[in-house]
C-alpha atoms as a PDB file:
ATOM      1  CA  MET A   1     -13.385   2.546 -10.813  1.00  0.00           C
ATOM      2  CA  SER A   2     -11.126   4.994 -12.625  1.00  0.00           C
ATOM      3  CA  ASP A   3      -7.820   3.952 -14.154  1.00  0.00           C
ATOM      4  CA  PRO A   4      -5.236   4.571 -11.382  1.00  0.00           C
ATOM      5  CA  GLU A   5      -2.830   6.175 -13.836  1.00  0.00           C
ATOM      6  CA  ASP A   6      -5.484   8.688 -14.891  1.00  0.00           C
ATOM      7  CA  VAL A   7      -6.230   9.410 -11.232  1.00  0.00           C
ATOM      8  CA  MET A   8      -2.567  10.116 -10.482  1.00  0.00           C
ATOM      9  CA  PHE A   9      -1.586  11.784 -13.749  1.00  0.00           C
ATOM     10  CA  SER A  10      -3.911  14.261 -15.460  1.00  0.00           C
ATOM     11  CA  ALA A  11      -3.501  15.065 -19.156  1.00  0.00           C
ATOM     12  CA  GLY A  12      -1.423  18.092 -18.159  1.00  0.00           C
ATOM     13  CA  VAL A  13       0.844  15.960 -15.962  1.00  0.00           C
ATOM     14  CA  LYS A  14       1.329  13.409 -18.755  1.00  0.00           C
ATOM     15  CA  ALA A  15       2.190  16.228 -21.164  1.00  0.00           C
ATOM     16  CA  GLU A  16       4.849  17.544 -18.757  1.00  0.00           C
ATOM     17  CA  GLN A  17       6.232  14.020 -18.273  1.00  0.00           C
ATOM     18  CA  THR A  18       6.490  13.691 -22.056  1.00  0.00           C
ATOM     19  CA  ARG A  19       8.083  17.128 -22.449  1.00  0.00           C
ATOM     20  CA  LEU A  20      10.632  16.437 -19.707  1.00  0.00           C
ATOM     21  CA  GLY A  21      11.403  12.842 -20.749  1.00  0.00           C
ATOM     22  CA  SER A  22       9.972  10.751 -17.880  1.00  0.00           C
ATOM     23  CA  ARG A  23       6.679   9.576 -19.435  1.00  0.00           C
ATOM     24  CA  ALA A  24       8.025   6.210 -20.680  1.00  0.00           C
ATOM     25  CA  GLN A  25       8.871   4.981 -17.164  1.00  0.00           C
ATOM     26  CA  PHE A  26       5.218   5.285 -16.098  1.00  0.00           C
ATOM     27  CA  GLU A  27       3.437   3.903 -19.175  1.00  0.00           C
ATOM     28  CA  GLY A  28       2.066   0.407 -18.617  1.00  0.00           C
ATOM     29  CA  ARG A  29       3.066   0.341 -14.955  1.00  0.00           C
ATOM     30  CA  THR A  30       0.693  -1.356 -12.538  1.00  0.00           C
ATOM     31  CA  TRP A  31      -0.371   0.975  -9.740  1.00  0.00           C
ATOM     32  CA  ASN A  32      -1.569  -0.029  -6.295  1.00  0.00           C
ATOM     33  CA  THR A  33      -5.286   0.242  -5.600  1.00  0.00           C
ATOM     34  CA  GLU A  34      -5.815  -2.306  -2.815  1.00  0.00           C
ATOM     35  CA  ILE A  35      -4.650  -2.300   0.772  1.00  0.00           C
ATOM     36  CA  THR A  36      -1.773  -4.784   0.987  1.00  0.00           C
ATOM     37  CA  ASP A  37      -0.327  -6.386   4.113  1.00  0.00           C
ATOM     38  CA  ASP A  38       2.727  -4.117   3.809  1.00  0.00           C
ATOM     39  CA  LEU A  39       0.517  -1.029   3.647  1.00  0.00           C
ATOM     40  CA  ARG A  40      -1.516  -2.287   6.626  1.00  0.00           C
ATOM     41  CA  ARG A  41       1.701  -2.705   8.699  1.00  0.00           C
ATOM     42  CA  PHE A  42       2.969   0.722   7.660  1.00  0.00           C
ATOM     43  CA  LEU A  43      -0.300   2.404   8.631  1.00  0.00           C
ATOM     44  CA  GLY A  44      -0.210   0.577  11.968  1.00  0.00           C
ATOM     45  CA  VAL A  45       2.607   2.849  13.195  1.00  0.00           C
ATOM     46  CA  ILE A  46       1.515   6.108  11.582  1.00  0.00           C
ATOM     47  CA  ASP A  47       0.416   8.834  14.017  1.00  0.00           C
ATOM     48  CA  THR A  48       0.271  11.779  11.632  1.00  0.00           C
ATOM     49  CA  PHE A  49      -0.636  12.540   8.018  1.00  0.00           C
ATOM     50  CA  PHE A  50      -1.844  15.356   5.780  1.00  0.00           C
ATOM     51  CA  PHE A  51      -5.338  15.346   4.289  1.00  0.00           C
ATOM     52  CA  ALA A  52      -5.947  17.383   1.135  1.00  0.00           C
ATOM     53  CA  THR A  53      -9.304  18.432  -0.277  1.00  0.00           C
ATOM     54  CA  ALA A  54     -10.482  20.995  -2.822  1.00  0.00           C
ATOM     55  CA  SER A  55     -13.577  23.132  -3.158  1.00  0.00           C
ATOM     56  CA  ALA A  56     -15.971  22.713  -6.081  1.00  0.00           C
ATOM     57  CA  ASP A  57     -14.026  25.379  -8.005  1.00  0.00           C
ATOM     58  CA  GLY A  58     -10.697  23.668  -7.282  1.00  0.00           C
ATOM     59  CA  ARG A  59      -9.367  25.761  -4.403  1.00  0.00           C
ATOM     60  CA  PRO A  60      -7.036  23.374  -2.493  1.00  0.00           C
ATOM     61  CA  TYR A  61      -6.649  22.927   1.239  1.00  0.00           C
ATOM     62  CA  MET A  62      -4.372  20.646   3.235  1.00  0.00           C
ATOM     63  CA  GLN A  63      -4.839  19.831   6.896  1.00  0.00           C
ATOM     64  CA  HIS A  64      -2.693  17.946   9.391  1.00  0.00           C
ATOM     65  CA  ARG A  65      -4.372  14.974  11.075  1.00  0.00           C
ATOM     66  CA  GLY A  66      -2.854  13.360  14.149  1.00  0.00           C
ATOM     67  CA  GLY A  67      -3.774  10.632  16.592  1.00  0.00           C
ATOM     68  CA  PRO A  68      -2.499   7.501  18.255  1.00  0.00           C
ATOM     69  CA  PRO A  69      -0.354   5.119  16.154  1.00  0.00           C
ATOM     70  CA  GLY A  70      -2.543   3.276  13.684  1.00  0.00           C
ATOM     71  CA  PHE A  71      -5.458   5.731  13.823  1.00  0.00           C
ATOM     72  CA  LEU A  72      -5.713   5.732   9.999  1.00  0.00           C
ATOM     73  CA  LYS A  73      -7.353   2.311   9.779  1.00  0.00           C
ATOM     74  CA  PRO A  74      -8.056  -0.061   6.899  1.00  0.00           C
ATOM     75  CA  ILE A  75     -11.760  -0.986   6.981  1.00  0.00           C
ATOM     76  CA  GLY A  76     -11.927  -2.922   3.711  1.00  0.00           C
ATOM     77  CA  THR A  77      -9.785  -3.873   0.736  1.00  0.00           C
ATOM     78  CA  HIS A  78      -9.921  -0.362  -0.767  1.00  0.00           C
ATOM     79  CA  THR A  79     -11.067   1.809   2.143  1.00  0.00           C
ATOM     80  CA  LEU A  80      -9.385   3.596   5.033  1.00  0.00           C
ATOM     81  CA  ALA A  81     -11.111   5.569   7.767  1.00  0.00           C
ATOM     82  CA  PHE A  82     -10.171   7.829  10.635  1.00  0.00           C
ATOM     83  CA  ALA A  83     -11.938   9.553  13.495  1.00  0.00           C
ATOM     84  CA  ASP A  84     -12.368  13.263  12.917  1.00  0.00           C
ATOM     85  CA  PHE A  85     -11.471  14.856  16.249  1.00  0.00           C
ATOM     86  CA  ALA A  86     -12.717  18.244  17.434  1.00  0.00           C
ATOM     87  CA  GLY A  87     -10.458  21.005  16.175  1.00  0.00           C
ATOM     88  CA  ASN A  88     -10.413  24.661  15.198  1.00  0.00           C
ATOM     89  CA  GLN A  89     -14.032  24.683  13.976  1.00  0.00           C
ATOM     90  CA  GLN A  90     -13.202  26.117  10.549  1.00  0.00           C
ATOM     91  CA  TYR A  91     -14.629  22.961   8.854  1.00  0.00           C
ATOM     92  CA  ILE A  92     -12.823  23.626   5.579  1.00  0.00           C
ATOM     93  CA  SER A  93     -12.234  19.934   4.807  1.00  0.00           C
ATOM     94  CA  LEU A  94     -15.843  19.088   5.663  1.00  0.00           C
ATOM     95  CA  GLY A  95     -17.191  21.875   3.476  1.00  0.00           C
ATOM     96  CA  HIS A  96     -15.000  20.809   0.589  1.00  0.00           C
ATOM     97  CA  LEU A  97     -16.097  17.175   0.907  1.00  0.00           C
ATOM     98  CA  ARG A  98     -19.757  18.218   0.745  1.00  0.00           C
ATOM     99  CA  GLU A  99     -19.120  19.715  -2.707  1.00  0.00           C
ATOM    100  CA  ASN A 100     -16.161  17.684  -4.026  1.00  0.00           C
ATOM    101  CA  ASP A 101     -15.347  14.190  -2.758  1.00  0.00           C
ATOM    102  CA  ARG A 102     -11.893  14.011  -4.348  1.00  0.00           C
ATOM    103  CA  ALA A 103      -9.205  13.892  -1.683  1.00  0.00           C
ATOM    104  CA  HIS A 104      -5.569  12.993  -1.094  1.00  0.00           C
ATOM    105  CA  ILE A 105      -3.705  11.583   1.889  1.00  0.00           C
ATOM    106  CA  PHE A 106       0.025  12.279   2.198  1.00  0.00           C
ATOM    107  CA  VAL A 107       2.004  10.421   4.850  1.00  0.00           C
ATOM    108  CA  LEU A 108       5.597  11.344   5.630  1.00  0.00           C
ATOM    109  CA  HIS A 109       7.322   8.926   7.996  1.00  0.00           C
ATOM    110  CA  PHE A 110      10.535  10.658   8.981  1.00  0.00           C
ATOM    111  CA  ALA A 111      12.166   7.797  10.899  1.00  0.00           C
ATOM    112  CA  THR A 112      12.067   5.428   7.906  1.00  0.00           C
ATOM    113  CA  GLN A 113      12.293   8.206   5.305  1.00  0.00           C
ATOM    114  CA  GLN A 114       9.175   6.993   3.486  1.00  0.00           C
ATOM    115  CA  ARG A 115       6.436   8.966   1.818  1.00  0.00           C
ATOM    116  CA  LEU A 116       3.055   7.452   1.002  1.00  0.00           C
ATOM    117  CA  LYS A 117       0.663   9.113  -1.426  1.00  0.00           C
ATOM    118  CA  LEU A 118      -2.975   8.010  -1.624  1.00  0.00           C
ATOM    119  CA  TRP A 119      -5.458   9.362  -4.168  1.00  0.00           C
ATOM    120  CA  GLY A 120      -9.138   8.729  -3.673  1.00  0.00           C
ATOM    121  CA  ARG A 121     -12.563   9.903  -2.687  1.00  0.00           C
ATOM    122  CA  ALA A 122     -13.619  10.741   0.836  1.00  0.00           C
ATOM    123  CA  ARG A 123     -16.970  10.933   2.555  1.00  0.00           C
ATOM    124  CA  ILE A 124     -18.160  12.155   5.922  1.00  0.00           C
ATOM    125  CA  VAL A 125     -19.728   9.467   8.129  1.00  0.00           C
ATOM    126  CA  GLU A 126     -21.885  10.697  11.004  1.00  0.00           C
ATOM    127  CA  GLY A 127     -23.848   8.675  13.523  1.00  0.00           C
ATOM    128  CA  ASP A 128     -22.239   5.288  12.767  1.00  0.00           C
ATOM    129  CA  LEU A 129     -21.447   4.074  16.300  1.00  0.00           C
ATOM    130  CA  GLU A 130     -20.103   0.715  15.147  1.00  0.00           C
ATOM    131  CA  LEU A 131     -17.565   2.387  12.858  1.00  0.00           C
ATOM    132  CA  MET A 132     -16.581   4.874  15.558  1.00  0.00           C
ATOM    133  CA  GLU A 133     -15.914   2.028  17.995  1.00  0.00           C
ATOM    134  CA  ARG A 134     -13.501   0.551  15.429  1.00  0.00           C
ATOM    135  CA  LEU A 135     -11.723   3.870  14.918  1.00  0.00           C
ATOM    136  CA  VAL A 136     -11.457   5.437  18.367  1.00  0.00           C
ATOM    137  CA  ASP A 137      -8.805   4.470  20.903  1.00  0.00           C
ATOM    138  CA  PRO A 138     -10.440   5.119  24.305  1.00  0.00           C
ATOM    139  CA  ALA A 139      -7.010   5.862  25.824  1.00  0.00           C
ATOM    140  CA  TYR A 140      -6.444   8.740  23.392  1.00  0.00           C
ATOM    141  CA  ARG A 141      -7.597  12.024  24.911  1.00  0.00           C
ATOM    142  CA  ALA A 142      -9.533  13.690  22.117  1.00  0.00           C
ATOM    143  CA  ARG A 143     -13.186  14.166  21.280  1.00  0.00           C
ATOM    144  CA  PRO A 144     -14.207  12.340  18.087  1.00  0.00           C
ATOM    145  CA  GLN A 145     -17.035  14.053  16.217  1.00  0.00           C
ATOM    146  CA  ARG A 146     -17.444  11.908  13.115  1.00  0.00           C
ATOM    147  CA  ALA A 147     -15.518   9.610  10.810  1.00  0.00           C
ATOM    148  CA  ILE A 148     -14.001  10.222   7.412  1.00  0.00           C
ATOM    149  CA  ALA A 149     -13.985   7.213   5.066  1.00  0.00           C
ATOM    150  CA  PHE A 150     -11.459   7.316   2.220  1.00  0.00           C
ATOM    151  CA  THR A 151     -11.836   5.021  -0.802  1.00  0.00           C
ATOM    152  CA  ILE A 152      -8.459   4.469  -2.457  1.00  0.00           C
ATOM    153  CA  GLU A 153      -8.236   4.900  -6.227  1.00  0.00           C
ATOM    154  CA  ALA A 154      -4.418   4.684  -6.358  1.00  0.00           C
ATOM    155  CA  TRP A 155      -1.460   4.750  -4.001  1.00  0.00           C
ATOM    156  CA  ASP A 156       2.309   4.793  -4.217  1.00  0.00           C
ATOM    157  CA  ILE A 157       5.319   4.841  -1.885  1.00  0.00           C
ATOM    158  CA  ASN A 158       8.342   6.452  -3.465  1.00  0.00           C
ATOM    159  CA  CYS A 159      11.491   8.532  -3.285  1.00  0.00           C
ATOM    160  CA  ARG A 160      13.287   8.889   0.059  1.00  0.00           C
ATOM    161  CA  GLN A 161      15.375  11.699  -1.367  1.00  0.00           C
ATOM    162  CA  HIS A 162      15.428  14.892   0.706  1.00  0.00           C
ATOM    163  CA  ILE A 163      13.588  13.406   3.719  1.00  0.00           C
ATOM    164  CA  VAL A 164      15.690  14.241   6.769  1.00  0.00           C
ATOM    165  CA  PRO A 165      15.341  11.503   9.422  1.00  0.00           C
ATOM    166  CA  ARG A 166      13.573  12.664  12.586  1.00  0.00           C
ATOM    167  CA  TYR A 167      12.500  10.603  15.555  1.00  0.00           C
ATOM    168  CA  SER A 168       9.651  10.898  18.023  1.00  0.00           C
ATOM    169  CA  GLU A 169      10.066  10.891  21.791  1.00  0.00           C
ATOM    170  CA  ALA A 170       8.797   7.310  21.817  1.00  0.00           C
ATOM    171  CA  ASP A 171      11.453   6.339  19.243  1.00  0.00           C
ATOM    172  CA  ILE A 172      14.339   7.740  21.294  1.00  0.00           C
ATOM    173  CA  ALA A 173      13.058   7.072  24.836  1.00  0.00           C
ATOM    174  CA  PRO A 174      14.884   3.727  25.204  1.00  0.00           C
ATOM    175  CA  ALA A 175      18.180   5.327  24.132  1.00  0.00           C
ATOM    176  CA  VAL A 176      17.674   8.286  26.488  1.00  0.00           C
ATOM    177  CA  ASP A 177      16.847   5.957  29.378  1.00  0.00           C
ATOM    178  CA  SER A 178      19.905   3.828  28.604  1.00  0.00           C
ATOM    179  CA  LEU A 179      22.118   6.916  28.383  1.00  0.00           C
ATOM    180  CA  ALA A 180      20.767   8.284  31.684  1.00  0.00           C
ATOM    181  CA  GLN A 181      21.491   4.944  33.357  1.00  0.00           C
ATOM    182  CA  ARG A 182      25.024   4.884  31.935  1.00  0.00           C
ATOM    183  CA  ILE A 183      25.687   8.468  33.137  1.00  0.00           C
ATOM    184  CA  LYS A 184      24.509   7.499  36.612  1.00  0.00           C
ATOM    185  CA  GLU A 185      26.834   4.456  36.597  1.00  0.00           C
ATOM    186  CA  LEU A 186      29.801   6.603  35.504  1.00  0.00           C
ATOM    187  CA  GLU A 187      29.079   9.216  38.177  1.00  0.00           C
ATOM    188  CA  GLU A 188      28.958   6.469  40.825  1.00  0.00           C
ATOM    189  CA  GLU A 189      32.247   5.049  39.508  1.00  0.00           C
ATOM    190  CA  VAL A 190      33.890   8.503  39.630  1.00  0.00           C
ATOM    191  CA  ALA A 191      32.638   8.998  43.202  1.00  0.00           C
ATOM    192  CA  ARG A 192      33.959   5.553  44.228  1.00  0.00           C
ATOM    193  CA  LEU A 193      37.377   6.241  42.675  1.00  0.00           C
ATOM    194  CA  ARG A 194      37.650   9.605  44.438  1.00  0.00           C
ATOM    195  CA  GLY A 195      36.925   7.985  47.736  1.00  0.00           C
ATOM    196  CA  PRO A 196      35.562   9.747  50.795  1.00  0.00           C
ATOM    197  CA  GLN A 197      35.745  13.546  50.561  1.00  0.00           C
END
């Protein structure tokens, strides 16, 4: 397995870090390569992420992936996988992975203002029914076509700066329900105080 620091920071990146004075803070640091319990819990609530690939000549592409909470699943100590649902049929990510297995997963969790960056190698898995059963939530209405397995070479969670908190409908539903109930109670109280009309 490659040195995680070399995976994250190319020679050009290290040169820029040196030029701009930040290189020392990264030298000798231990980088994450295994799936920890904290990472497993974090992924358990994630329902969206961005998946980056590049063609053989280095042309980048980033695609949004969404699904039910926890659909990006740990399937080993260094491997994640997700069901690849039917989409726009451009197959850019798939084509890239056939010629270049290097990939990146970027997760932005707005509610907790966390960003997770995972560097690794991805492969297309077709016809593995056992894996698909592990990855697919039968209650989620989408058509899975294959799986993508992602072997982690390095990962990092950092820097909440500039992430504006946003909340999903599921996050705010209890507050909305509580507010609606309180409005109803206040309207009933106003009606009672006014008396018969």
